[in-house]
């Protein structure tokens, strides 16, 4: 049996955001561990069929094996794989939240934006 409380982070592969994102999730949602699922520019690609199923499978494993009750989709400043405006990133995140929510996994789904100071901001 898994001990501790988990959340699931669906984020870009960019290592600059991982520490602050995990810390923010742990502090704001009182979890012990953060499962991390990454893809380049995930805030955009989560809505594309080419990665949709792969991400869904990984999120399902986190929920079923670790009993994660929260999925956090993020986008970030200076993303090499999705070089668009901050506003466009936020649009992608909102669409991604809808996609993940449509999977009916029975967990809370939120979106966050990691800004140019690496601060995490709820969408």
PDB file of N, CA and C in Angstrom:
ATOM      1  N   UNK A   1       0.841  -1.179   0.000  1.00  0.00           N
ATOM      2  CA  UNK A   1       0.000   0.000   0.000  1.00  0.00           C
ATOM      3  C   UNK A   1       0.888   1.246   0.000  1.00  0.00           C
ATOM      4  N   UNK A   2       0.492   2.213  -0.773  1.00  0.00           N
ATOM      5  CA  UNK A   2       1.239   3.461  -0.877  1.00  0.00           C
ATOM      6  C   UNK A   2       0.945   4.321   0.342  1.00  0.00           C
ATOM      7  N   UNK A   3       2.001   4.861   0.937  1.00  0.00           N
ATOM      8  CA  UNK A   3       1.836   5.749   2.077  1.00  0.00           C
ATOM      9  C   UNK A   3       2.060   7.182   1.638  1.00  0.00           C
ATOM     10  N   UNK A   4       1.363   8.112   2.253  1.00  0.00           N
ATOM     11  CA  UNK A   4       1.494   9.521   1.917  1.00  0.00           C
ATOM     12  C   UNK A   4       0.443   9.949   0.917  1.00  0.00           C
ATOM     13  N   UNK A   5       0.290  11.240   0.822  1.00  0.00           N
ATOM     14  CA  UNK A   5      -0.709  11.830  -0.060  1.00  0.00           C
ATOM     15  C   UNK A   5      -0.020  12.345  -1.323  1.00  0.00           C
ATOM     16  N   UNK A   6      -0.601  12.033  -2.485  1.00  0.00           N
ATOM     17  CA  UNK A   6      -0.023  12.389  -3.773  1.00  0.00           C
ATOM     18  C   UNK A   6      -0.870  13.398  -4.528  1.00  0.00           C
ATOM     19  N   UNK A   7      -0.208  14.154  -5.395  1.00  0.00           N
ATOM     20  CA  UNK A   7      -0.836  14.968  -6.427  1.00  0.00           C
ATOM     21  C   UNK A   7      -0.104  14.634  -7.721  1.00  0.00           C
ATOM     22  N   UNK A   8      -0.662  15.045  -8.837  1.00  0.00           N
ATOM     23  CA  UNK A   8      -0.068  14.763 -10.141  1.00  0.00           C
ATOM     24  C   UNK A   8       0.182  16.061 -10.874  1.00  0.00           C
ATOM     25  N   UNK A   9       1.411  16.269 -11.313  1.00  0.00           N
ATOM     26  CA  UNK A   9       1.781  17.445 -12.093  1.00  0.00           C
ATOM     27  C   UNK A   9       1.937  17.042 -13.554  1.00  0.00           C
ATOM     28  N   UNK A  10       1.200  17.713 -14.427  1.00  0.00           N
ATOM     29  CA  UNK A  10       1.314  17.515 -15.863  1.00  0.00           C
ATOM     30  C   UNK A  10       1.967  18.788 -16.377  1.00  0.00           C
ATOM     31  N   UNK A  11       3.263  18.679 -16.738  1.00  0.00           N
ATOM     32  CA  UNK A  11       4.030  19.892 -17.003  1.00  0.00           C
ATOM     33  C   UNK A  11       5.004  19.717 -18.156  1.00  0.00           C
ATOM     34  N   UNK A  12       5.604  20.828 -18.538  1.00  0.00           N
ATOM     35  CA  UNK A  12       6.640  20.836 -19.556  1.00  0.00           C
ATOM     36  C   UNK A  12       7.886  20.134 -19.011  1.00  0.00           C
ATOM     37  N   UNK A  13       8.726  19.663 -19.917  1.00  0.00           N
ATOM     38  CA  UNK A  13       9.963  19.002 -19.500  1.00  0.00           C
ATOM     39  C   UNK A  13      10.986  19.959 -18.902  1.00  0.00           C
ATOM     40  N   UNK A  14      10.796  21.249 -19.067  1.00  0.00           N
ATOM     41  CA  UNK A  14      11.771  22.261 -18.648  1.00  0.00           C
ATOM     42  C   UNK A  14      12.082  22.145 -17.157  1.00  0.00           C
ATOM     43  N   UNK A  15      13.306  21.801 -16.849  1.00  0.00           N
ATOM     44  CA  UNK A  15      13.735  21.606 -15.470  1.00  0.00           C
ATOM     45  C   UNK A  15      13.676  22.852 -14.606  1.00  0.00           C
ATOM     46  N   UNK A  16      13.628  24.030 -15.233  1.00  0.00           N
ATOM     47  CA  UNK A  16      13.586  25.272 -14.446  1.00  0.00           C
ATOM     48  C   UNK A  16      12.307  25.402 -13.643  1.00  0.00           C
ATOM     49  N   UNK A  17      11.246  24.729 -14.053  1.00  0.00           N
ATOM     50  CA  UNK A  17       9.970  24.892 -13.349  1.00  0.00           C
ATOM     51  C   UNK A  17       9.687  23.789 -12.344  1.00  0.00           C
ATOM     52  N   UNK A  18      10.381  22.676 -12.415  1.00  0.00           N
ATOM     53  CA  UNK A  18      10.013  21.499 -11.638  1.00  0.00           C
ATOM     54  C   UNK A  18      10.068  21.706 -10.120  1.00  0.00           C
ATOM     55  N   UNK A  19      11.125  22.292  -9.620  1.00  0.00           N
ATOM     56  CA  UNK A  19      11.264  22.462  -8.174  1.00  0.00           C
ATOM     57  C   UNK A  19      10.210  23.398  -7.598  1.00  0.00           C
ATOM     58  N   UNK A  20      10.050  24.573  -8.216  1.00  0.00           N
ATOM     59  CA  UNK A  20       9.074  25.528  -7.692  1.00  0.00           C
ATOM     60  C   UNK A  20       7.649  25.013  -7.840  1.00  0.00           C
ATOM     61  N   UNK A  21       7.375  24.290  -8.907  1.00  0.00           N
ATOM     62  CA  UNK A  21       6.041  23.743  -9.119  1.00  0.00           C
ATOM     63  C   UNK A  21       5.714  22.673  -8.072  1.00  0.00           C
ATOM     64  N   UNK A  22       6.632  21.742  -7.848  1.00  0.00           N
ATOM     65  CA  UNK A  22       6.399  20.700  -6.840  1.00  0.00           C
ATOM     66  C   UNK A  22       6.262  21.300  -5.444  1.00  0.00           C
ATOM     67  N   UNK A  23       7.112  22.260  -5.131  1.00  0.00           N
ATOM     68  CA  UNK A  23       7.036  22.922  -3.818  1.00  0.00           C
ATOM     69  C   UNK A  23       5.687  23.610  -3.635  1.00  0.00           C
ATOM     70  N   UNK A  24       5.224  24.318  -4.659  1.00  0.00           N
ATOM     71  CA  UNK A  24       3.946  25.034  -4.598  1.00  0.00           C
ATOM     72  C   UNK A  24       2.794  24.051  -4.399  1.00  0.00           C
ATOM     73  N   UNK A  25       2.799  22.969  -5.147  1.00  0.00           N
ATOM     74  CA  UNK A  25       1.729  21.971  -5.022  1.00  0.00           C
ATOM     75  C   UNK A  25       1.722  21.386  -3.615  1.00  0.00           C
ATOM     76  N   UNK A  26       2.887  21.018  -3.104  1.00  0.00           N
ATOM     77  CA  UNK A  26       2.969  20.441  -1.761  1.00  0.00           C
ATOM     78  C   UNK A  26       2.460  21.417  -0.703  1.00  0.00           C
ATOM     79  N   UNK A  27       2.871  22.674  -0.805  1.00  0.00           N
ATOM     80  CA  UNK A  27       2.491  23.674   0.193  1.00  0.00           C
ATOM     81  C   UNK A  27       1.016  24.045   0.109  1.00  0.00           C
ATOM     82  N   UNK A  28       0.471  24.164  -1.097  1.00  0.00           N
ATOM     83  CA  UNK A  28      -0.902  24.637  -1.262  1.00  0.00           C
ATOM     84  C   UNK A  28      -1.952  23.537  -1.198  1.00  0.00           C
ATOM     85  N   UNK A  29      -1.546  22.300  -1.358  1.00  0.00           N
ATOM     86  CA  UNK A  29      -2.514  21.204  -1.351  1.00  0.00           C
ATOM     87  C   UNK A  29      -2.174  20.117  -0.331  1.00  0.00           C
ATOM     88  N   UNK A  30      -1.239  20.396   0.555  1.00  0.00           N
ATOM     89  CA  UNK A  30      -0.895  19.498   1.665  1.00  0.00           C
ATOM     90  C   UNK A  30      -0.677  18.062   1.206  1.00  0.00           C
ATOM     91  N   UNK A  31       0.175  17.904   0.192  1.00  0.00           N
ATOM     92  CA  UNK A  31       0.529  16.562  -0.273  1.00  0.00           C
ATOM     93  C   UNK A  31       1.979  16.279   0.076  1.00  0.00           C
ATOM     94  N   UNK A  32       2.298  15.011   0.129  1.00  0.00           N
ATOM     95  CA  UNK A  32       3.660  14.591   0.454  1.00  0.00           C
ATOM     96  C   UNK A  32       4.522  14.415  -0.790  1.00  0.00           C
ATOM     97  N   UNK A  33       3.884  13.976  -1.876  1.00  0.00           N
ATOM     98  CA  UNK A  33       4.617  13.652  -3.094  1.00  0.00           C
ATOM     99  C   UNK A  33       3.886  14.196  -4.320  1.00  0.00           C
ATOM    100  N   UNK A  34       4.669  14.486  -5.359  1.00  0.00           N
ATOM    101  CA  UNK A  34       4.097  14.960  -6.612  1.00  0.00           C
ATOM    102  C   UNK A  34       4.606  14.060  -7.736  1.00  0.00           C
ATOM    103  N   UNK A  35       3.691  13.276  -8.312  1.00  0.00           N
ATOM    104  CA  UNK A  35       4.025  12.517  -9.514  1.00  0.00           C
ATOM    105  C   UNK A  35       4.129  13.514 -10.655  1.00  0.00           C
ATOM    106  N   UNK A  36       5.168  13.393 -11.475  1.00  0.00           N
ATOM    107  CA  UNK A  36       5.394  14.365 -12.540  1.00  0.00           C
ATOM    108  C   UNK A  36       5.351  13.678 -13.900  1.00  0.00           C
ATOM    109  N   UNK A  37       4.457  14.172 -14.745  1.00  0.00           N
ATOM    110  CA  UNK A  37       4.300  13.691 -16.115  1.00  0.00           C
ATOM    111  C   UNK A  37       4.684  14.849 -17.016  1.00  0.00           C
ATOM    112  N   UNK A  38       5.693  14.643 -17.867  1.00  0.00           N
ATOM    113  CA  UNK A  38       6.193  15.759 -18.661  1.00  0.00           C
ATOM    114  C   UNK A  38       6.189  15.472 -20.165  1.00  0.00           C
ATOM    115  N   UNK A  39       5.998  16.533 -20.915  1.00  0.00           N
ATOM    116  CA  UNK A  39       6.118  16.566 -22.372  1.00  0.00           C
ATOM    117  C   UNK A  39       6.534  17.986 -22.730  1.00  0.00           C
ATOM    118  N   UNK A  40       7.309  18.173 -23.784  1.00  0.00           N
ATOM    119  CA  UNK A  40       7.651  19.536 -24.202  1.00  0.00           C
ATOM    120  C   UNK A  40       6.386  20.323 -24.573  1.00  0.00           C
ATOM    121  N   UNK A  41       6.270  21.522 -24.026  1.00  0.00           N
ATOM    122  CA  UNK A  41       5.138  22.401 -24.365  1.00  0.00           C
ATOM    123  C   UNK A  41       3.787  21.774 -24.094  1.00  0.00           C
ATOM    124  N   UNK A  42       3.666  21.098 -22.971  1.00  0.00           N
ATOM    125  CA  UNK A  42       2.468  20.304 -22.691  1.00  0.00           C
ATOM    126  C   UNK A  42       1.180  21.109 -22.650  1.00  0.00           C
ATOM    127  N   UNK A  43       1.248  22.383 -22.297  1.00  0.00           N
ATOM    128  CA  UNK A  43       0.010  23.164 -22.251  1.00  0.00           C
ATOM    129  C   UNK A  43      -0.654  23.220 -23.621  1.00  0.00           C
ATOM    130  N   UNK A  44       0.132  23.152 -24.673  1.00  0.00           N
ATOM    131  CA  UNK A  44      -0.424  23.112 -26.031  1.00  0.00           C
ATOM    132  C   UNK A  44      -0.694  21.673 -26.464  1.00  0.00           C
ATOM    133  N   UNK A  45       0.278  20.786 -26.260  1.00  0.00           N
ATOM    134  CA  UNK A  45       0.168  19.441 -26.820  1.00  0.00           C
ATOM    135  C   UNK A  45      -0.874  18.568 -26.141  1.00  0.00           C
ATOM    136  N   UNK A  46      -1.317  18.902 -24.937  1.00  0.00           N
ATOM    137  CA  UNK A  46      -2.334  18.105 -24.250  1.00  0.00           C
ATOM    138  C   UNK A  46      -3.620  18.053 -25.063  1.00  0.00           C
ATOM    139  N   UNK A  47      -3.850  19.028 -25.904  1.00  0.00           N
ATOM    140  CA  UNK A  47      -5.070  19.057 -26.713  1.00  0.00           C
ATOM    141  C   UNK A  47      -4.900  18.364 -28.065  1.00  0.00           C
ATOM    142  N   UNK A  48      -3.695  17.871 -28.351  1.00  0.00           N
ATOM    143  CA  UNK A  48      -3.427  17.220 -29.628  1.00  0.00           C
ATOM    144  C   UNK A  48      -3.490  15.700 -29.478  1.00  0.00           C
ATOM    145  N   UNK A  49      -4.074  15.039 -30.439  1.00  0.00           N
ATOM    146  CA  UNK A  49      -4.265  13.592 -30.374  1.00  0.00           C
ATOM    147  C   UNK A  49      -2.969  12.808 -30.239  1.00  0.00           C
ATOM    148  N   UNK A  50      -1.864  13.355 -30.725  1.00  0.00           N
ATOM    149  CA  UNK A  50      -0.608  12.606 -30.713  1.00  0.00           C
ATOM    150  C   UNK A  50      -0.091  12.293 -29.312  1.00  0.00           C
ATOM    151  N   UNK A  51      -0.407  13.102 -28.325  1.00  0.00           N
ATOM    152  CA  UNK A  51       0.046  12.838 -26.947  1.00  0.00           C
ATOM    153  C   UNK A  51      -1.102  12.607 -25.971  1.00  0.00           C
ATOM    154  N   UNK A  52      -2.308  12.887 -26.401  1.00  0.00           N
ATOM    155  CA  UNK A  52      -3.487  12.800 -25.546  1.00  0.00           C
ATOM    156  C   UNK A  52      -3.564  11.462 -24.804  1.00  0.00           C
ATOM    157  N   UNK A  53      -3.549  10.358 -25.519  1.00  0.00           N
ATOM    158  CA  UNK A  53      -3.707   9.037 -24.905  1.00  0.00           C
ATOM    159  C   UNK A  53      -2.553   8.694 -23.975  1.00  0.00           C
ATOM    160  N   UNK A  54      -1.341   9.048 -24.375  1.00  0.00           N
ATOM    161  CA  UNK A  54      -0.173   8.774 -23.545  1.00  0.00           C
ATOM    162  C   UNK A  54      -0.275   9.486 -22.199  1.00  0.00           C
ATOM    163  N   UNK A  55      -0.646  10.744 -22.225  1.00  0.00           N
ATOM    164  CA  UNK A  55      -0.798  11.525 -20.982  1.00  0.00           C
ATOM    165  C   UNK A  55      -1.931  10.944 -20.140  1.00  0.00           C
ATOM    166  N   UNK A  56      -3.027  10.615 -20.772  1.00  0.00           N
ATOM    167  CA  UNK A  56      -4.182  10.060 -20.050  1.00  0.00           C
ATOM    168  C   UNK A  56      -3.796   8.778 -19.316  1.00  0.00           C
ATOM    169  N   UNK A  57      -3.062   7.908 -19.965  1.00  0.00           N
ATOM    170  CA  UNK A  57      -2.624   6.654 -19.346  1.00  0.00           C
ATOM    171  C   UNK A  57      -1.752   6.944 -18.127  1.00  0.00           C
ATOM    172  N   UNK A  58      -0.815   7.869 -18.274  1.00  0.00           N
ATOM    173  CA  UNK A  58       0.097   8.195 -17.171  1.00  0.00           C
ATOM    174  C   UNK A  58      -0.639   8.827 -15.999  1.00  0.00           C
ATOM    175  N   UNK A  59      -1.568   9.739 -16.285  1.00  0.00           N
ATOM    176  CA  UNK A  59      -2.362  10.359 -15.218  1.00  0.00           C
ATOM    177  C   UNK A  59      -3.190   9.286 -14.515  1.00  0.00           C
ATOM    178  N   UNK A  60      -3.778   8.385 -15.267  1.00  0.00           N
ATOM    179  CA  UNK A  60      -4.581   7.305 -14.680  1.00  0.00           C
ATOM    180  C   UNK A  60      -3.751   6.431 -13.757  1.00  0.00           C
ATOM    181  N   UNK A  61      -2.523   6.143 -14.131  1.00  0.00           N
ATOM    182  CA  UNK A  61      -1.634   5.354 -13.263  1.00  0.00           C
ATOM    183  C   UNK A  61      -1.389   6.093 -11.949  1.00  0.00           C
ATOM    184  N   UNK A  62      -1.125   7.388 -12.028  1.00  0.00           N
ATOM    185  CA  UNK A  62      -0.894   8.176 -10.817  1.00  0.00           C
ATOM    186  C   UNK A  62      -2.115   8.150  -9.908  1.00  0.00           C
ATOM    187  N   UNK A  63      -3.283   8.281 -10.494  1.00  0.00           N
ATOM    188  CA  UNK A  63      -4.524   8.294  -9.709  1.00  0.00           C
ATOM    189  C   UNK A  63      -4.810   6.915  -9.123  1.00  0.00           C
ATOM    190  N   UNK A  64      -4.679   5.884  -9.935  1.00  0.00           N
ATOM    191  CA  UNK A  64      -5.029   4.537  -9.473  1.00  0.00           C
ATOM    192  C   UNK A  64      -3.987   3.934  -8.541  1.00  0.00           C
ATOM    193  N   UNK A  65      -2.710   4.104  -8.837  1.00  0.00           N
ATOM    194  CA  UNK A  65      -1.668   3.490  -8.020  1.00  0.00           C
ATOM    195  C   UNK A  65      -1.327   4.302  -6.775  1.00  0.00           C
ATOM    196  N   UNK A  66      -1.340   5.628  -6.908  1.00  0.00           N
ATOM    197  CA  UNK A  66      -0.932   6.486  -5.795  1.00  0.00           C
ATOM    198  C   UNK A  66      -2.091   7.241  -5.151  1.00  0.00           C
ATOM    199  N   UNK A  67      -3.273   7.022  -5.669  1.00  0.00           N
ATOM    200  CA  UNK A  67      -4.486   7.659  -5.127  1.00  0.00           C
ATOM    201  C   UNK A  67      -4.407   9.191  -5.178  1.00  0.00           C
ATOM    202  N   UNK A  68      -3.748   9.714  -6.196  1.00  0.00           N
ATOM    203  CA  UNK A  68      -3.692  11.162  -6.382  1.00  0.00           C
ATOM    204  C   UNK A  68      -5.107  11.702  -6.508  1.00  0.00           C
ATOM    205  N   UNK A  69      -5.367  12.819  -5.857  1.00  0.00           N
ATOM    206  CA  UNK A  69      -6.688  13.439  -5.901  1.00  0.00           C
ATOM    207  C   UNK A  69      -6.662  14.800  -6.588  1.00  0.00           C
ATOM    208  N   UNK A  70      -5.498  15.167  -7.123  1.00  0.00           N
ATOM    209  CA  UNK A  70      -5.328  16.470  -7.755  1.00  0.00           C
ATOM    210  C   UNK A  70      -4.433  16.326  -8.975  1.00  0.00           C
ATOM    211  N   UNK A  71      -4.864  16.933 -10.093  1.00  0.00           N
ATOM    212  CA  UNK A  71      -4.032  17.024 -11.292  1.00  0.00           C
ATOM    213  C   UNK A  71      -3.802  18.497 -11.571  1.00  0.00           C
ATOM    214  N   UNK A  72      -2.530  18.881 -11.696  1.00  0.00           N
ATOM    215  CA  UNK A  72      -2.157  20.271 -11.956  1.00  0.00           C
ATOM    216  C   UNK A  72      -1.524  20.343 -13.344  1.00  0.00           C
ATOM    217  N   UNK A  73      -2.188  21.049 -14.256  1.00  0.00           N
ATOM    218  CA  UNK A  73      -1.646  21.291 -15.593  1.00  0.00           C
ATOM    219  C   UNK A  73      -0.971  22.649 -15.586  1.00  0.00           C
ATOM    220  N   UNK A  74       0.248  22.706 -16.095  1.00  0.00           N
ATOM    221  CA  UNK A  74       0.967  23.980 -16.067  1.00  0.00           C
ATOM    222  C   UNK A  74       1.507  24.363 -17.427  1.00  0.00           C
ATOM    223  N   UNK A  75       1.761  25.651 -17.550  1.00  0.00           N
ATOM    224  CA  UNK A  75       2.492  26.229 -18.658  1.00  0.00           C
ATOM    225  C   UNK A  75       3.482  27.200 -18.050  1.00  0.00           C
ATOM    226  N   UNK A  76       4.486  27.612 -18.838  1.00  0.00           N
ATOM    227  CA  UNK A  76       5.484  28.482 -18.234  1.00  0.00           C
ATOM    228  C   UNK A  76       6.083  29.481 -19.221  1.00  0.00           C
ATOM    229  N   UNK A  77       6.621  30.517 -18.653  1.00  0.00           N
ATOM    230  CA  UNK A  77       7.353  31.557 -19.358  1.00  0.00           C
ATOM    231  C   UNK A  77       8.550  30.940 -20.074  1.00  0.00           C
ATOM    232  N   UNK A  78       8.865  31.474 -21.240  1.00  0.00           N
ATOM    233  CA  UNK A  78      10.074  31.108 -21.984  1.00  0.00           C
ATOM    234  C   UNK A  78      10.103  29.634 -22.380  1.00  0.00           C
ATOM    235  N   UNK A  79       8.967  29.114 -22.797  1.00  0.00           N
ATOM    236  CA  UNK A  79       8.880  27.719 -23.203  1.00  0.00           C
ATOM    237  C   UNK A  79       9.433  27.554 -24.614  1.00  0.00           C
ATOM    238  N   UNK A  80      10.471  26.745 -24.748  1.00  0.00           N
ATOM    239  CA  UNK A  80      11.106  26.530 -26.051  1.00  0.00           C
ATOM    240  C   UNK A  80      10.194  25.768 -27.010  1.00  0.00           C
ATOM    241  N   UNK A  81       9.381  24.863 -26.496  1.00  0.00           N
ATOM    242  CA  UNK A  81       8.523  24.045 -27.350  1.00  0.00           C
ATOM    243  C   UNK A  81       7.211  24.727 -27.719  1.00  0.00           C
ATOM    244  N   UNK A  82       6.859  25.780 -26.992  1.00  0.00           N
ATOM    245  CA  UNK A  82       5.618  26.506 -27.254  1.00  0.00           C
ATOM    246  C   UNK A  82       5.880  27.998 -27.069  1.00  0.00           C
ATOM    247  N   UNK A  83       6.625  28.598 -28.000  1.00  0.00           N
ATOM    248  CA  UNK A  83       7.045  30.000 -27.852  1.00  0.00           C
ATOM    249  C   UNK A  83       5.952  30.996 -28.254  1.00  0.00           C
ATOM    250  N   UNK A  84       4.943  31.116 -27.391  1.00  0.00           N
ATOM    251  CA  UNK A  84       3.832  32.030 -27.642  1.00  0.00           C
ATOM    252  C   UNK A  84       3.718  33.018 -26.480  1.00  0.00           C
ATOM    253  N   UNK A  85       2.807  33.953 -26.602  1.00  0.00           N
ATOM    254  CA  UNK A  85       2.607  34.954 -25.548  1.00  0.00           C
ATOM    255  C   UNK A  85       2.071  34.303 -24.271  1.00  0.00           C
ATOM    256  N   UNK A  86       2.246  34.998 -23.173  1.00  0.00           N
ATOM    257  CA  UNK A  86       1.712  34.520 -21.895  1.00  0.00           C
ATOM    258  C   UNK A  86       0.209  34.284 -21.996  1.00  0.00           C
ATOM    259  N   UNK A  87      -0.478  35.195 -22.664  1.00  0.00           N
ATOM    260  CA  UNK A  87      -1.929  35.093 -22.817  1.00  0.00           C
ATOM    261  C   UNK A  87      -2.316  33.828 -23.586  1.00  0.00           C
ATOM    262  N   UNK A  88      -1.558  33.518 -24.616  1.00  0.00           N
ATOM    263  CA  UNK A  88      -1.837  32.319 -25.414  1.00  0.00           C
ATOM    264  C   UNK A  88      -1.581  31.062 -24.575  1.00  0.00           C
ATOM    265  N   UNK A  89      -0.524  31.066 -23.758  1.00  0.00           N
ATOM    266  CA  UNK A  89      -0.273  29.938 -22.861  1.00  0.00           C
ATOM    267  C   UNK A  89      -1.475  29.711 -21.948  1.00  0.00           C
ATOM    268  N   UNK A  90      -1.996  30.794 -21.398  1.00  0.00           N
ATOM    269  CA  UNK A  90      -3.127  30.677 -20.475  1.00  0.00           C
ATOM    270  C   UNK A  90      -4.347  30.118 -21.193  1.00  0.00           C
ATOM    271  N   UNK A  91      -4.560  30.510 -22.452  1.00  0.00           N
ATOM    272  CA  UNK A  91      -5.643  29.920 -23.254  1.00  0.00           C
ATOM    273  C   UNK A  91      -5.443  28.417 -23.402  1.00  0.00           C
ATOM    274  N   UNK A  92      -4.206  28.006 -23.719  1.00  0.00           N
ATOM    275  CA  UNK A  92      -3.904  26.582 -23.860  1.00  0.00           C
ATOM    276  C   UNK A  92      -4.153  25.833 -22.549  1.00  0.00           C
ATOM    277  N   UNK A  93      -3.743  26.429 -21.438  1.00  0.00           N
ATOM    278  CA  UNK A  93      -3.936  25.787 -20.134  1.00  0.00           C
ATOM    279  C   UNK A  93      -5.421  25.583 -19.861  1.00  0.00           C
ATOM    280  N   UNK A  94      -6.220  26.603 -20.129  1.00  0.00           N
ATOM    281  CA  UNK A  94      -7.669  26.483 -19.914  1.00  0.00           C
ATOM    282  C   UNK A  94      -8.268  25.374 -20.771  1.00  0.00           C
ATOM    283  N   UNK A  95      -7.839  25.269 -22.017  1.00  0.00           N
ATOM    284  CA  UNK A  95      -8.319  24.182 -22.889  1.00  0.00           C
ATOM    285  C   UNK A  95      -7.854  22.828 -22.366  1.00  0.00           C
ATOM    286  N   UNK A  96      -6.612  22.784 -21.890  1.00  0.00           N
ATOM    287  CA  UNK A  96      -6.072  21.546 -21.340  1.00  0.00           C
ATOM    288  C   UNK A  96      -6.820  21.081 -20.104  1.00  0.00           C
ATOM    289  N   UNK A  97      -7.232  22.020 -19.268  1.00  0.00           N
ATOM    290  CA  UNK A  97      -8.032  21.683 -18.084  1.00  0.00           C
ATOM    291  C   UNK A  97      -9.328  21.008 -18.526  1.00  0.00           C
ATOM    292  N   UNK A  98      -9.941  21.541 -19.571  1.00  0.00           N
ATOM    293  CA  UNK A  98     -11.173  20.950 -20.092  1.00  0.00           C
ATOM    294  C   UNK A  98     -10.932  19.538 -20.604  1.00  0.00           C
ATOM    295  N   UNK A  99      -9.808  19.346 -21.295  1.00  0.00           N
ATOM    296  CA  UNK A  99      -9.471  18.016 -21.815  1.00  0.00           C
ATOM    297  C   UNK A  99      -9.314  17.026 -20.672  1.00  0.00           C
ATOM    298  N   UNK A 100      -8.485  17.359 -19.691  1.00  0.00           N
ATOM    299  CA  UNK A 100      -8.252  16.437 -18.573  1.00  0.00           C
ATOM    300  C   UNK A 100      -9.537  16.196 -17.797  1.00  0.00           C
ATOM    301  N   UNK A 101     -10.325  17.238 -17.584  1.00  0.00           N
ATOM    302  CA  UNK A 101     -11.602  17.083 -16.874  1.00  0.00           C
ATOM    303  C   UNK A 101     -12.553  16.149 -17.622  1.00  0.00           C
ATOM    304  N   UNK A 102     -12.480  16.168 -18.952  1.00  0.00           N
ATOM    305  CA  UNK A 102     -13.372  15.324 -19.766  1.00  0.00           C
ATOM    306  C   UNK A 102     -13.058  13.838 -19.613  1.00  0.00           C
ATOM    307  N   UNK A 103     -11.912  13.503 -19.040  1.00  0.00           N
ATOM    308  CA  UNK A 103     -11.557  12.103 -18.830  1.00  0.00           C
ATOM    309  C   UNK A 103     -12.335  11.488 -17.663  1.00  0.00           C
ATOM    310  N   UNK A 104     -13.045  12.328 -16.911  1.00  0.00           N
ATOM    311  CA  UNK A 104     -13.890  11.849 -15.804  1.00  0.00           C
ATOM    312  C   UNK A 104     -13.145  10.926 -14.846  1.00  0.00           C
ATOM    313  N   UNK A 105     -12.031  11.419 -14.348  1.00  0.00           N
ATOM    314  CA  UNK A 105     -11.188  10.624 -13.461  1.00  0.00           C
ATOM    315  C   UNK A 105     -11.573  10.757 -11.987  1.00  0.00           C
ATOM    316  N   UNK A 106     -12.505  11.641 -11.689  1.00  0.00           N
ATOM    317  CA  UNK A 106     -12.960  11.786 -10.311  1.00  0.00           C
ATOM    318  C   UNK A 106     -12.006  12.529  -9.408  1.00  0.00           C
ATOM    319  N   UNK A 107     -11.159  13.391  -9.995  1.00  0.00           N
ATOM    320  CA  UNK A 107     -10.209  14.173  -9.210  1.00  0.00           C
ATOM    321  C   UNK A 107     -10.343  15.644  -9.570  1.00  0.00           C
ATOM    322  N   UNK A 108      -9.788  16.487  -8.717  1.00  0.00           N
ATOM    323  CA  UNK A 108      -9.763  17.920  -8.972  1.00  0.00           C
ATOM    324  C   UNK A 108      -8.694  18.209 -10.029  1.00  0.00           C
ATOM    325  N   UNK A 109      -9.021  19.071 -10.986  1.00  0.00           N
ATOM    326  CA  UNK A 109      -8.078  19.461 -12.041  1.00  0.00           C
ATOM    327  C   UNK A 109      -7.943  20.981 -12.013  1.00  0.00           C
ATOM    328  N   UNK A 110      -6.702  21.468 -11.893  1.00  0.00           N
ATOM    329  CA  UNK A 110      -6.474  22.911 -11.905  1.00  0.00           C
ATOM    330  C   UNK A 110      -5.368  23.246 -12.910  1.00  0.00           C
ATOM    331  N   UNK A 111      -5.274  24.519 -13.246  1.00  0.00           N
ATOM    332  CA  UNK A 111      -4.214  24.994 -14.122  1.00  0.00           C
ATOM    333  C   UNK A 111      -3.413  26.077 -13.441  1.00  0.00           C
ATOM    334  N   UNK A 112      -2.121  26.108 -13.751  1.00  0.00           N
ATOM    335  CA  UNK A 112      -1.241  27.141 -13.203  1.00  0.00           C
ATOM    336  C   UNK A 112      -0.310  27.667 -14.282  1.00  0.00           C
ATOM    337  N   UNK A 113       0.134  28.887 -14.074  1.00  0.00           N
ATOM    338  CA  UNK A 113       1.088  29.552 -14.952  1.00  0.00           C
ATOM    339  C   UNK A 113       2.341  29.840 -14.138  1.00  0.00           C
ATOM    340  N   UNK A 114       3.505  29.429 -14.651  1.00  0.00           N
ATOM    341  CA  UNK A 114       4.776  29.718 -13.988  1.00  0.00           C
ATOM    342  C   UNK A 114       5.389  30.906 -14.721  1.00  0.00           C
ATOM    343  N   UNK A 115       5.505  32.036 -14.015  1.00  0.00           N
ATOM    344  CA  UNK A 115       5.894  33.294 -14.661  1.00  0.00           C
ATOM    345  C   UNK A 115       7.409  33.454 -14.794  1.00  0.00           C
ATOM    346  N   UNK A 116       7.824  34.614 -15.263  1.00  0.00           N
ATOM    347  CA  UNK A 116       9.242  34.864 -15.537  1.00  0.00           C
ATOM    348  C   UNK A 116      10.113  34.945 -14.285  1.00  0.00           C
ATOM    349  N   UNK A 117       9.508  34.973 -13.104  1.00  0.00           N
ATOM    350  CA  UNK A 117      10.252  34.898 -11.840  1.00  0.00           C
ATOM    351  C   UNK A 117      10.150  33.504 -11.230  1.00  0.00           C
ATOM    352  N   UNK A 118       9.574  32.563 -11.976  1.00  0.00           N
ATOM    353  CA  UNK A 118       9.365  31.176 -11.592  1.00  0.00           C
ATOM    354  C   UNK A 118       8.387  31.031 -10.447  1.00  0.00           C
ATOM    355  N   UNK A 119       7.506  32.035 -10.312  1.00  0.00           N
ATOM    356  CA  UNK A 119       6.417  31.950  -9.338  1.00  0.00           C
ATOM    357  C   UNK A 119       5.238  31.222  -9.970  1.00  0.00           C
ATOM    358  N   UNK A 120       4.529  30.442  -9.179  1.00  0.00           N
ATOM    359  CA  UNK A 120       3.389  29.687  -9.659  1.00  0.00           C
ATOM    360  C   UNK A 120       2.122  30.480  -9.383  1.00  0.00           C
ATOM    361  N   UNK A 121       1.304  30.650 -10.420  1.00  0.00           N
ATOM    362  CA  UNK A 121       0.072  31.434 -10.328  1.00  0.00           C
ATOM    363  C   UNK A 121      -1.108  30.602 -10.785  1.00  0.00           C
ATOM    364  N   UNK A 122      -2.137  30.510  -9.946  1.00  0.00           N
ATOM    365  CA  UNK A 122      -3.329  29.749 -10.305  1.00  0.00           C
ATOM    366  C   UNK A 122      -4.082  30.451 -11.438  1.00  0.00           C
ATOM    367  N   UNK A 123      -4.581  29.656 -12.354  1.00  0.00           N
ATOM    368  CA  UNK A 123      -5.378  30.189 -13.471  1.00  0.00           C
ATOM    369  C   UNK A 123      -6.838  30.160 -13.058  1.00  0.00           C
TER     370      UNK A 123
END
